Amino acid sequence: MARSLKKWFRVHPKLMKKIKKMNDSGEKKVIKVWDRASQILPEMVGFTIAVHNGRQFVSVYINEEMIGHRLWEFAPTRTFRWHPF
């Protein structure tokens, strides 16, 4: 089976709806998100999104260099303590 050459952006519909609503009204509130697999689009630049990492929400400020990346890349789920001997 051949793999598709076109890769489309995948954003949760509720998240996109909130972003469009806030862009239209001009508000800048923190948006809580549990869907870590959503990709960052140009419409999200300038917003702060709180991404859930399984234990707490990690605040991520979106800038232009993050476009195309996934939200999970900026909210690590594991805390490194030390190397065992």
Protein backbone atom coordinates (compact mmCIF):
# COMPACT_ATOMS: atom_id res chain seq x y z
CA MET A 1 0.00 0.00 0.00
CA ALA A 2 1.39 3.39 -1.00
CA ARG A 3 1.76 6.15 1.52
CA SER A 4 0.15 9.53 0.90
CA LEU A 5 2.51 12.30 -0.14
CA LYS A 6 0.19 15.02 1.16
CA LYS A 7 0.18 15.40 4.93
CA TRP A 8 -2.68 17.48 6.27
CA PHE A 9 -2.77 19.40 9.52
CA ARG A 10 -4.67 17.71 12.31
CA VAL A 11 -6.27 20.02 14.87
CA HIS A 12 -9.04 19.10 17.29
CA PRO A 13 -12.26 20.80 16.05
CA LYS A 14 -13.13 22.23 19.50
CA LEU A 15 -9.68 23.78 19.84
CA MET A 16 -9.94 25.35 16.38
CA LYS A 17 -13.40 26.70 17.23
CA LYS A 18 -12.06 28.34 20.42
CA ILE A 19 -9.11 29.88 18.53
CA LYS A 20 -11.36 31.35 15.81
CA LYS A 21 -13.77 32.73 18.42
CA MET A 22 -10.93 34.40 20.33
CA ASN A 23 -9.39 35.79 17.12
CA ASP A 24 -12.73 37.37 16.17
CA SER A 25 -13.31 38.90 19.60
CA GLY A 26 -9.69 39.95 20.19
CA GLU A 27 -9.41 38.21 23.58
CA LYS A 28 -6.23 36.59 24.84
CA LYS A 29 -7.15 33.98 27.46
CA VAL A 30 -5.38 30.75 28.35
CA ILE A 31 -6.95 27.73 26.63
CA LYS A 32 -6.78 24.36 28.41
CA VAL A 33 -6.13 21.44 26.06
CA TRP A 34 -6.02 17.69 26.70
CA ASP A 35 -5.48 16.79 23.03
CA ARG A 36 -1.70 16.79 22.73
CA ALA A 37 -1.65 15.52 19.14
CA SER A 38 -2.99 18.77 17.66
CA GLN A 39 -0.63 20.64 15.37
CA ILE A 40 0.12 24.34 15.69
CA LEU A 41 -1.36 26.53 12.93
CA PRO A 42 -0.58 30.16 12.03
CA GLU A 43 -3.93 31.23 13.58
CA MET A 44 -2.63 30.14 17.01
CA VAL A 45 0.37 32.50 17.09
CA GLY A 46 0.25 34.81 20.09
CA PHE A 47 -1.96 32.62 22.27
CA THR A 48 -1.05 30.79 25.47
CA ILE A 49 -2.25 27.19 25.51
CA ALA A 50 -2.19 25.06 28.66
CA VAL A 51 -1.31 21.51 27.55
CA HIS A 52 -2.08 18.63 29.92
CA ASN A 53 0.89 16.31 30.46
CA GLY A 54 -0.93 13.67 32.49
CA ARG A 55 -0.41 15.32 35.85
CA GLN A 56 -0.67 19.07 35.39
CA PHE A 57 -1.14 21.76 32.76
CA VAL A 58 2.00 23.20 31.16
CA SER A 59 1.61 26.73 29.75
CA VAL A 60 2.97 27.08 26.22
CA TYR A 61 3.19 30.48 24.50
CA ILE A 62 2.86 29.96 20.74
CA ASN A 63 5.26 31.85 18.45
CA GLU A 64 5.95 31.66 14.71
CA GLU A 65 8.77 29.13 14.99
CA MET A 66 6.38 26.52 16.44
CA ILE A 67 4.10 26.34 13.38
CA GLY A 68 3.79 22.77 12.12
CA HIS A 69 4.91 21.16 15.37
CA ARG A 70 2.66 19.22 17.73
CA LEU A 71 1.59 20.44 21.18
CA TRP A 72 3.10 17.39 22.93
CA GLU A 73 6.59 18.51 21.90
CA PHE A 74 6.42 21.44 24.33
CA ALA A 75 4.88 19.65 27.35
CA PRO A 76 7.14 16.81 28.53
CA THR A 77 5.43 13.97 30.40
CA ARG A 78 8.44 12.58 32.26
CA THR A 79 10.68 14.28 34.80
CA PHE A 80 14.37 13.36 34.60
CA ARG A 81 15.81 12.80 38.10
CA TRP A 82 19.26 11.23 37.67
CA HIS A 83 21.10 8.34 36.06
CA PRO A 84 21.28 5.14 38.11
CA PHE A 85 24.75 3.81 38.90
